[in-house]
Amino acid sequence: MTRAVLVWENARATDYDIAVSADGETWTTAASVRGGKGGTETVELKPSAARKLRVKGLRRNTGYGISLFSLSVYGSQDKPDKK
């Protein structure tokens, strides 16, 4: 995993951490976001071979909670074939 794309609803996290894990038991912080703007945010992650990811909201922008519309995770791009 090298980046995550988060699409927030109006009730969003302004501060949040993204953690990754290979086994679902031991978690490592891959990114910390402070002052997120909402909408669609692309976050660069510390590269890892983890298979699980979680987002922990630390601060919300409204009194109504935190709502993440979608989350996409991407790995490093493969090198193109040599011709």
PDB file of N, CA and C in Angstrom:
ATOM      1  N   MET A   1       0.847  -1.175   0.000  1.00  0.00           N
ATOM      2  CA  MET A   1       0.000   0.000   0.000  1.00  0.00           C
ATOM      3  C   MET A   1       0.888   1.231   0.000  1.00  0.00           C
ATOM      4  N   THR A   2       0.561   2.154  -0.890  1.00  0.00           N
ATOM      5  CA  THR A   2       1.345   3.382  -0.933  1.00  0.00           C
ATOM      6  C   THR A   2       0.495   4.647  -0.847  1.00  0.00           C
ATOM      7  N   ARG A   3      -0.810   4.531  -1.125  1.00  0.00           N
ATOM      8  CA  ARG A   3      -1.676   5.704  -0.984  1.00  0.00           C
ATOM      9  C   ARG A   3      -3.121   5.270  -0.793  1.00  0.00           C
ATOM     10  N   ALA A   4      -3.867   6.174  -0.170  1.00  0.00           N
ATOM     11  CA  ALA A   4      -5.293   5.950   0.052  1.00  0.00           C
ATOM     12  C   ALA A   4      -6.045   7.177  -0.449  1.00  0.00           C
ATOM     13  N   VAL A   5      -7.197   6.941  -1.051  1.00  0.00           N
ATOM     14  CA  VAL A   5      -8.061   8.031  -1.501  1.00  0.00           C
ATOM     15  C   VAL A   5      -9.359   7.934  -0.696  1.00  0.00           C
ATOM     16  N   LEU A   6      -9.625   8.959   0.091  1.00  0.00           N
ATOM     17  CA  LEU A   6     -10.806   8.995   0.946  1.00  0.00           C
ATOM     18  C   LEU A   6     -11.787  10.010   0.385  1.00  0.00           C
ATOM     19  N   VAL A   7     -13.053   9.639   0.311  1.00  0.00           N
ATOM     20  CA  VAL A   7     -14.111  10.553  -0.110  1.00  0.00           C
ATOM     21  C   VAL A   7     -15.049  10.709   1.081  1.00  0.00           C
ATOM     22  N   TRP A   8     -15.104  11.939   1.599  1.00  0.00           N
ATOM     23  CA  TRP A   8     -15.862  12.218   2.811  1.00  0.00           C
ATOM     24  C   TRP A   8     -17.254  12.748   2.502  1.00  0.00           C
ATOM     25  N   GLU A   9     -18.195  12.418   3.389  1.00  0.00           N
ATOM     26  CA  GLU A   9     -19.509  13.067   3.413  1.00  0.00           C
ATOM     27  C   GLU A   9     -19.319  14.439   4.066  1.00  0.00           C
ATOM     28  N   ASN A  10     -20.407  15.201   4.232  1.00  0.00           N
ATOM     29  CA  ASN A  10     -20.304  16.519   4.874  1.00  0.00           C
ATOM     30  C   ASN A  10     -19.815  16.414   6.314  1.00  0.00           C
ATOM     31  N   ALA A  11     -20.262  15.401   7.044  1.00  0.00           N
ATOM     32  CA  ALA A  11     -19.782  15.165   8.408  1.00  0.00           C
ATOM     33  C   ALA A  11     -18.505  14.345   8.276  1.00  0.00           C
ATOM     34  N   ARG A  12     -17.364  14.986   8.449  1.00  0.00           N
ATOM     35  CA  ARG A  12     -16.090  14.335   8.151  1.00  0.00           C
ATOM     36  C   ARG A  12     -15.111  14.469   9.313  1.00  0.00           C
ATOM     37  N   ALA A  13     -14.036  13.736   9.213  1.00  0.00           N
ATOM     38  CA  ALA A  13     -12.933  13.883  10.160  1.00  0.00           C
ATOM     39  C   ALA A  13     -11.991  14.950   9.627  1.00  0.00           C
ATOM     40  N   THR A  14     -11.634  15.906  10.477  1.00  0.00           N
ATOM     41  CA  THR A  14     -10.615  16.877  10.084  1.00  0.00           C
ATOM     42  C   THR A  14      -9.230  16.376  10.475  1.00  0.00           C
ATOM     43  N   ASP A  15      -9.166  15.593  11.545  1.00  0.00           N
ATOM     44  CA  ASP A  15      -7.919  14.966  11.981  1.00  0.00           C
ATOM     45  C   ASP A  15      -8.157  13.461  12.046  1.00  0.00           C
ATOM     46  N   TYR A  16      -7.260  12.686  11.453  1.00  0.00           N
ATOM     47  CA  TYR A  16      -7.408  11.241  11.478  1.00  0.00           C
ATOM     48  C   TYR A  16      -6.071  10.549  11.236  1.00  0.00           C
ATOM     49  N   ASP A  17      -5.986   9.313  11.678  1.00  0.00           N
ATOM     50  CA  ASP A  17      -4.820   8.470  11.454  1.00  0.00           C
ATOM     51  C   ASP A  17      -5.229   7.298  10.584  1.00  0.00           C
ATOM     52  N   ILE A  18      -4.322   6.860   9.731  1.00  0.00           N
ATOM     53  CA  ILE A  18      -4.509   5.655   8.934  1.00  0.00           C
ATOM     54  C   ILE A  18      -3.469   4.650   9.393  1.00  0.00           C
ATOM     55  N   ALA A  19      -3.935   3.467   9.779  1.00  0.00           N
ATOM     56  CA  ALA A  19      -3.039   2.407  10.253  1.00  0.00           C
ATOM     57  C   ALA A  19      -3.167   1.202   9.334  1.00  0.00           C
ATOM     58  N   VAL A  20      -2.079   0.431   9.234  1.00  0.00           N
ATOM     59  CA  VAL A  20      -2.060  -0.769   8.393  1.00  0.00           C
ATOM     60  C   VAL A  20      -1.586  -1.959   9.219  1.00  0.00           C
ATOM     61  N   SER A  21      -1.994  -3.154   8.758  1.00  0.00           N
ATOM     62  CA  SER A  21      -1.639  -4.381   9.462  1.00  0.00           C
ATOM     63  C   SER A  21      -1.557  -5.536   8.471  1.00  0.00           C
ATOM     64  N   ALA A  22      -0.661  -6.449   8.741  1.00  0.00           N
ATOM     65  CA  ALA A  22      -0.565  -7.673   7.936  1.00  0.00           C
ATOM     66  C   ALA A  22      -1.483  -8.750   8.492  1.00  0.00           C
ATOM     67  N   ASP A  23      -1.717  -8.726   9.805  1.00  0.00           N
ATOM     68  CA  ASP A  23      -2.459  -9.818  10.443  1.00  0.00           C
ATOM     69  C   ASP A  23      -3.750  -9.376  11.144  1.00  0.00           C
ATOM     70  N   GLY A  24      -4.042  -8.085  11.181  1.00  0.00           N
ATOM     71  CA  GLY A  24      -5.235  -7.600  11.861  1.00  0.00           C
ATOM     72  C   GLY A  24      -5.082  -7.493  13.364  1.00  0.00           C
ATOM     73  N   GLU A  25      -3.891  -7.777  13.864  1.00  0.00           N
ATOM     74  CA  GLU A  25      -3.633  -7.711  15.305  1.00  0.00           C
ATOM     75  C   GLU A  25      -2.621  -6.625  15.655  1.00  0.00           C
ATOM     76  N   THR A  26      -1.561  -6.536  14.859  1.00  0.00           N
ATOM     77  CA  THR A  26      -0.522  -5.549  15.089  1.00  0.00           C
ATOM     78  C   THR A  26      -0.676  -4.438  14.057  1.00  0.00           C
ATOM     79  N   TRP A  27      -0.901  -3.210  14.532  1.00  0.00           N
ATOM     80  CA  TRP A  27      -1.175  -2.078  13.644  1.00  0.00           C
ATOM     81  C   TRP A  27      -0.044  -1.065  13.717  1.00  0.00           C
ATOM     82  N   THR A  28       0.270  -0.484  12.560  1.00  0.00           N
ATOM     83  CA  THR A  28       1.309   0.531  12.440  1.00  0.00           C
ATOM     84  C   THR A  28       0.700   1.758  11.771  1.00  0.00           C
ATOM     85  N   THR A  29       0.971   2.935  12.316  1.00  0.00           N
ATOM     86  CA  THR A  29       0.470   4.157  11.710  1.00  0.00           C
ATOM     87  C   THR A  29       1.199   4.403  10.396  1.00  0.00           C
ATOM     88  N   ALA A  30       0.439   4.489   9.304  1.00  0.00           N
ATOM     89  CA  ALA A  30       1.010   4.717   7.975  1.00  0.00           C
ATOM     90  C   ALA A  30       0.904   6.178   7.567  1.00  0.00           C
ATOM     91  N   ALA A  31      -0.013   6.923   8.189  1.00  0.00           N
ATOM     92  CA  ALA A  31      -0.166   8.356   7.897  1.00  0.00           C
ATOM     93  C   ALA A  31      -0.995   9.006   8.998  1.00  0.00           C
ATOM     94  N   SER A  32      -0.690  10.249   9.273  1.00  0.00           N
ATOM     95  CA  SER A  32      -1.474  11.069  10.198  1.00  0.00           C
ATOM     96  C   SER A  32      -1.864  12.341   9.460  1.00  0.00           C
ATOM     97  N   VAL A  33      -3.149  12.641   9.439  1.00  0.00           N
ATOM     98  CA  VAL A  33      -3.647  13.834   8.760  1.00  0.00           C
ATOM     99  C   VAL A  33      -4.219  14.777   9.812  1.00  0.00           C
ATOM    100  N   ARG A  34      -3.779  16.019   9.755  1.00  0.00           N
ATOM    101  CA  ARG A  34      -4.297  17.057  10.640  1.00  0.00           C
ATOM    102  C   ARG A  34      -4.780  18.202   9.756  1.00  0.00           C
ATOM    103  N   GLY A  35      -6.002  18.638   9.974  1.00  0.00           N
ATOM    104  CA  GLY A  35      -6.558  19.735   9.185  1.00  0.00           C
ATOM    105  C   GLY A  35      -7.042  19.295   7.815  1.00  0.00           C
ATOM    106  N   GLY A  36      -7.594  18.070   7.738  1.00  0.00           N
ATOM    107  CA  GLY A  36      -8.143  17.590   6.474  1.00  0.00           C
ATOM    108  C   GLY A  36      -9.267  18.494   5.987  1.00  0.00           C
ATOM    109  N   LYS A  37      -9.365  18.662   4.686  1.00  0.00           N
ATOM    110  CA  LYS A  37     -10.319  19.607   4.096  1.00  0.00           C
ATOM    111  C   LYS A  37     -11.638  18.969   3.680  1.00  0.00           C
ATOM    112  N   GLY A  38     -11.709  17.627   3.680  1.00  0.00           N
ATOM    113  CA  GLY A  38     -12.935  16.969   3.260  1.00  0.00           C
ATOM    114  C   GLY A  38     -12.972  16.786   1.760  1.00  0.00           C
ATOM    115  N   GLY A  39     -14.143  16.384   1.249  1.00  0.00           N
ATOM    116  CA  GLY A  39     -14.240  16.084  -0.177  1.00  0.00           C
ATOM    117  C   GLY A  39     -13.421  14.846  -0.484  1.00  0.00           C
ATOM    118  N   THR A  40     -12.631  14.894  -1.543  1.00  0.00           N
ATOM    119  CA  THR A  40     -11.748  13.788  -1.899  1.00  0.00           C
ATOM    120  C   THR A  40     -10.334  14.133  -1.468  1.00  0.00           C
ATOM    121  N   GLU A  41      -9.751  13.290  -0.628  1.00  0.00           N
ATOM    122  CA  GLU A  41      -8.394  13.503  -0.138  1.00  0.00           C
ATOM    123  C   GLU A  41      -7.533  12.300  -0.523  1.00  0.00           C
ATOM    124  N   THR A  42      -6.360  12.579  -1.084  1.00  0.00           N
ATOM    125  CA  THR A  42      -5.391  11.531  -1.383  1.00  0.00           C
ATOM    126  C   THR A  42      -4.287  11.626  -0.346  1.00  0.00           C
ATOM    127  N   VAL A  43      -4.026  10.506   0.322  1.00  0.00           N
ATOM    128  CA  VAL A  43      -3.041  10.478   1.397  1.00  0.00           C
ATOM    129  C   VAL A  43      -1.936   9.498   1.019  1.00  0.00           C
ATOM    130  N   GLU A  44      -0.707   9.981   1.032  1.00  0.00           N
ATOM    131  CA  GLU A  44       0.443   9.112   0.794  1.00  0.00           C
ATOM    132  C   GLU A  44       0.722   8.325   2.072  1.00  0.00           C
ATOM    133  N   LEU A  45       0.897   7.016   1.921  1.00  0.00           N
ATOM    134  CA  LEU A  45       1.147   6.135   3.056  1.00  0.00           C
ATOM    135  C   LEU A  45       2.602   5.710   3.088  1.00  0.00           C
ATOM    136  N   LYS A  46       3.090   5.381   4.289  1.00  0.00           N
ATOM    137  CA  LYS A  46       4.394   4.742   4.366  1.00  0.00           C
ATOM    138  C   LYS A  46       4.257   3.407   3.646  1.00  0.00           C
ATOM    139  N   PRO A  47       5.101   3.121   2.660  1.00  0.00           N
ATOM    140  CA  PRO A  47       4.947   1.878   1.889  1.00  0.00           C
ATOM    141  C   PRO A  47       4.976   0.642   2.791  1.00  0.00           C
ATOM    142  N   SER A  48       4.085  -0.298   2.514  1.00  0.00           N
ATOM    143  CA  SER A  48       4.048  -1.536   3.294  1.00  0.00           C
ATOM    144  C   SER A  48       3.423  -2.645   2.460  1.00  0.00           C
ATOM    145  N   ALA A  49       3.612  -3.856   2.920  1.00  0.00           N
ATOM    146  CA  ALA A  49       2.995  -5.023   2.283  1.00  0.00           C
ATOM    147  C   ALA A  49       1.749  -5.449   3.062  1.00  0.00           C
ATOM    148  N   ALA A  50       1.229  -4.564   3.898  1.00  0.00           N
ATOM    149  CA  ALA A  50       0.055  -4.877   4.722  1.00  0.00           C
ATOM    150  C   ALA A  50      -1.153  -5.193   3.853  1.00  0.00           C
ATOM    151  N   ARG A  51      -2.073  -5.954   4.419  1.00  0.00           N
ATOM    152  CA  ARG A  51      -3.289  -6.329   3.692  1.00  0.00           C
ATOM    153  C   ARG A  51      -4.537  -5.715   4.306  1.00  0.00           C
ATOM    154  N   LYS A  52      -4.389  -5.066   5.454  1.00  0.00           N
ATOM    155  CA  LYS A  52      -5.544  -4.468   6.129  1.00  0.00           C
ATOM    156  C   LYS A  52      -5.241  -3.000   6.422  1.00  0.00           C
ATOM    157  N   LEU A  53      -6.301  -2.191   6.403  1.00  0.00           N
ATOM    158  CA  LEU A  53      -6.159  -0.758   6.650  1.00  0.00           C
ATOM    159  C   LEU A  53      -7.347  -0.284   7.470  1.00  0.00           C
ATOM    160  N   ARG A  54      -7.087   0.641   8.381  1.00  0.00           N
ATOM    161  CA  ARG A  54      -8.195   1.247   9.131  1.00  0.00           C
ATOM    162  C   ARG A  54      -7.959   2.742   9.264  1.00  0.00           C
ATOM    163  N   VAL A  55      -9.053   3.463   9.362  1.00  0.00           N
ATOM    164  CA  VAL A  55      -9.029   4.912   9.516  1.00  0.00           C
ATOM    165  C   VAL A  55      -9.621   5.222  10.884  1.00  0.00           C
ATOM    166  N   LYS A  56      -8.874   5.967  11.686  1.00  0.00           N
ATOM    167  CA  LYS A  56      -9.348   6.344  13.017  1.00  0.00           C
ATOM    168  C   LYS A  56      -9.562   7.853  13.053  1.00  0.00           C
ATOM    169  N   GLY A  57     -10.828   8.265  13.142  1.00  0.00           N
ATOM    170  CA  GLY A  57     -11.162   9.687  13.228  1.00  0.00           C
ATOM    171  C   GLY A  57     -10.818  10.225  14.604  1.00  0.00           C
ATOM    172  N   LEU A  58     -10.114  11.335  14.652  1.00  0.00           N
ATOM    173  CA  LEU A  58      -9.700  11.938  15.917  1.00  0.00           C
ATOM    174  C   LEU A  58     -10.451  13.232  16.227  1.00  0.00           C
ATOM    175  N   ARG A  59     -10.867  13.937  15.189  1.00  0.00           N
ATOM    176  CA  ARG A  59     -11.622  15.181  15.370  1.00  0.00           C
ATOM    177  C   ARG A  59     -12.619  15.299  14.229  1.00  0.00           C
ATOM    178  N   ARG A  60     -13.836  15.681  14.541  1.00  0.00           N
ATOM    179  CA  ARG A  60     -14.875  15.823  13.515  1.00  0.00           C
ATOM    180  C   ARG A  60     -15.190  17.291  13.294  1.00  0.00           C
ATOM    181  N   ASN A  61     -15.761  17.585  12.136  1.00  0.00           N
ATOM    182  CA  ASN A  61     -16.060  18.971  11.805  1.00  0.00           C
ATOM    183  C   ASN A  61     -17.473  19.389  12.203  1.00  0.00           C
ATOM    184  N   THR A  62     -18.316  18.442  12.601  1.00  0.00           N
ATOM    185  CA  THR A  62     -19.675  18.749  13.043  1.00  0.00           C
ATOM    186  C   THR A  62     -19.967  17.981  14.326  1.00  0.00           C
ATOM    187  N   GLY A  63     -21.126  18.187  14.878  1.00  0.00           N
ATOM    188  CA  GLY A  63     -21.538  17.441  16.057  1.00  0.00           C
ATOM    189  C   GLY A  63     -22.225  16.127  15.714  1.00  0.00           C
ATOM    190  N   TYR A  64     -22.242  15.767  14.425  1.00  0.00           N
ATOM    191  CA  TYR A  64     -23.013  14.614  13.971  1.00  0.00           C
ATOM    192  C   TYR A  64     -22.187  13.372  13.694  1.00  0.00           C
ATOM    193  N   GLY A  65     -20.954  13.352  14.059  1.00  0.00           N
ATOM    194  CA  GLY A  65     -20.139  12.166  13.827  1.00  0.00           C
ATOM    195  C   GLY A  65     -19.276  12.302  12.589  1.00  0.00           C
ATOM    196  N   ILE A  66     -18.793  11.166  12.108  1.00  0.00           N
ATOM    197  CA  ILE A  66     -17.872  11.128  10.976  1.00  0.00           C
ATOM    198  C   ILE A  66     -18.433  10.156   9.952  1.00  0.00           C
ATOM    199  N   SER A  67     -18.473  10.578   8.694  1.00  0.00           N
ATOM    200  CA  SER A  67     -19.029   9.734   7.645  1.00  0.00           C
ATOM    201  C   SER A  67     -18.085   9.704   6.447  1.00  0.00           C
ATOM    202  N   LEU A  68     -17.534   8.536   6.202  1.00  0.00           N
ATOM    203  CA  LEU A  68     -16.648   8.316   5.060  1.00  0.00           C
ATOM    204  C   LEU A  68     -17.471   7.649   3.968  1.00  0.00           C
ATOM    205  N   PHE A  69     -17.582   8.289   2.804  1.00  0.00           N
ATOM    206  CA  PHE A  69     -18.393   7.768   1.710  1.00  0.00           C
ATOM    207  C   PHE A  69     -17.697   6.595   1.031  1.00  0.00           C
ATOM    208  N   SER A  70     -16.415   6.747   0.707  1.00  0.00           N
ATOM    209  CA  SER A  70     -15.681   5.637   0.090  1.00  0.00           C
ATOM    210  C   SER A  70     -14.200   5.740   0.419  1.00  0.00           C
ATOM    211  N   LEU A  71     -13.532   4.607   0.301  1.00  0.00           N
ATOM    212  CA  LEU A  71     -12.101   4.501   0.567  1.00  0.00           C
ATOM    213  C   LEU A  71     -11.501   3.582  -0.474  1.00  0.00           C
ATOM    214  N   SER A  72     -10.468   4.044  -1.159  1.00  0.00           N
ATOM    215  CA  SER A  72      -9.742   3.229  -2.132  1.00  0.00           C
ATOM    216  C   SER A  72      -8.287   3.193  -1.717  1.00  0.00           C
ATOM    217  N   VAL A  73      -7.666   2.038  -1.848  1.00  0.00           N
ATOM    218  CA  VAL A  73      -6.267   1.870  -1.454  1.00  0.00           C
ATOM    219  C   VAL A  73      -5.492   1.362  -2.658  1.00  0.00           C
ATOM    220  N   TYR A  74      -4.302   1.928  -2.861  1.00  0.00           N
ATOM    221  CA  TYR A  74      -3.480   1.587  -4.013  1.00  0.00           C
ATOM    222  C   TYR A  74      -2.086   1.178  -3.566  1.00  0.00           C
ATOM    223  N   GLY A  75      -1.482   0.265  -4.326  1.00  0.00           N
ATOM    224  CA  GLY A  75      -0.107  -0.142  -4.091  1.00  0.00           C
ATOM    225  C   GLY A  75       0.811   0.596  -5.032  1.00  0.00           C
ATOM    226  N   SER A  76       2.084   0.259  -4.972  1.00  0.00           N
ATOM    227  CA  SER A  76       3.033   0.892  -5.881  1.00  0.00           C
ATOM    228  C   SER A  76       2.766   0.414  -7.297  1.00  0.00           C
ATOM    229  N   GLN A  77       3.018   1.272  -8.234  1.00  0.00           N
ATOM    230  CA  GLN A  77       2.789   0.903  -9.622  1.00  0.00           C
ATOM    231  C   GLN A  77       3.883  -0.034 -10.089  1.00  0.00           C
ATOM    232  N   ASP A  78       3.460  -1.044 -10.831  1.00  0.00           N
ATOM    233  CA  ASP A  78       4.432  -1.961 -11.404  1.00  0.00           C
ATOM    234  C   ASP A  78       5.227  -1.239 -12.473  1.00  0.00           C
ATOM    235  N   LYS A  79       6.461  -1.643 -12.635  1.00  0.00           N
ATOM    236  CA  LYS A  79       7.279  -1.068 -13.687  1.00  0.00           C
ATOM    237  C   LYS A  79       6.786  -1.596 -15.037  1.00  0.00           C
ATOM    238  N   PRO A  80       6.737  -0.761 -16.045  1.00  0.00           N
ATOM    239  CA  PRO A  80       6.293  -1.236 -17.356  1.00  0.00           C
ATOM    240  C   PRO A  80       7.256  -2.272 -17.924  1.00  0.00           C
ATOM    241  N   ASP A  81       6.714  -3.160 -18.725  1.00  0.00           N
ATOM    242  CA  ASP A  81       7.552  -4.174 -19.361  1.00  0.00           C
ATOM    243  C   ASP A  81       8.561  -3.513 -20.275  1.00  0.00           C
ATOM    244  N   LYS A  82       9.769  -4.057 -20.289  1.00  0.00           N
ATOM    245  CA  LYS A  82      10.786  -3.566 -21.221  1.00  0.00           C
ATOM    246  C   LYS A  82      10.535  -4.179 -22.577  1.00  0.00           C
ATOM    247  N   LYS A  83      10.679  -3.392 -23.616  1.00  0.00           N
ATOM    248  CA  LYS A  83      10.464  -3.880 -24.976  1.00  0.00           C
ATOM    249  C   LYS A  83      11.745  -3.876 -25.752  1.00  0.00           C
TER     250      LYS A  83
END
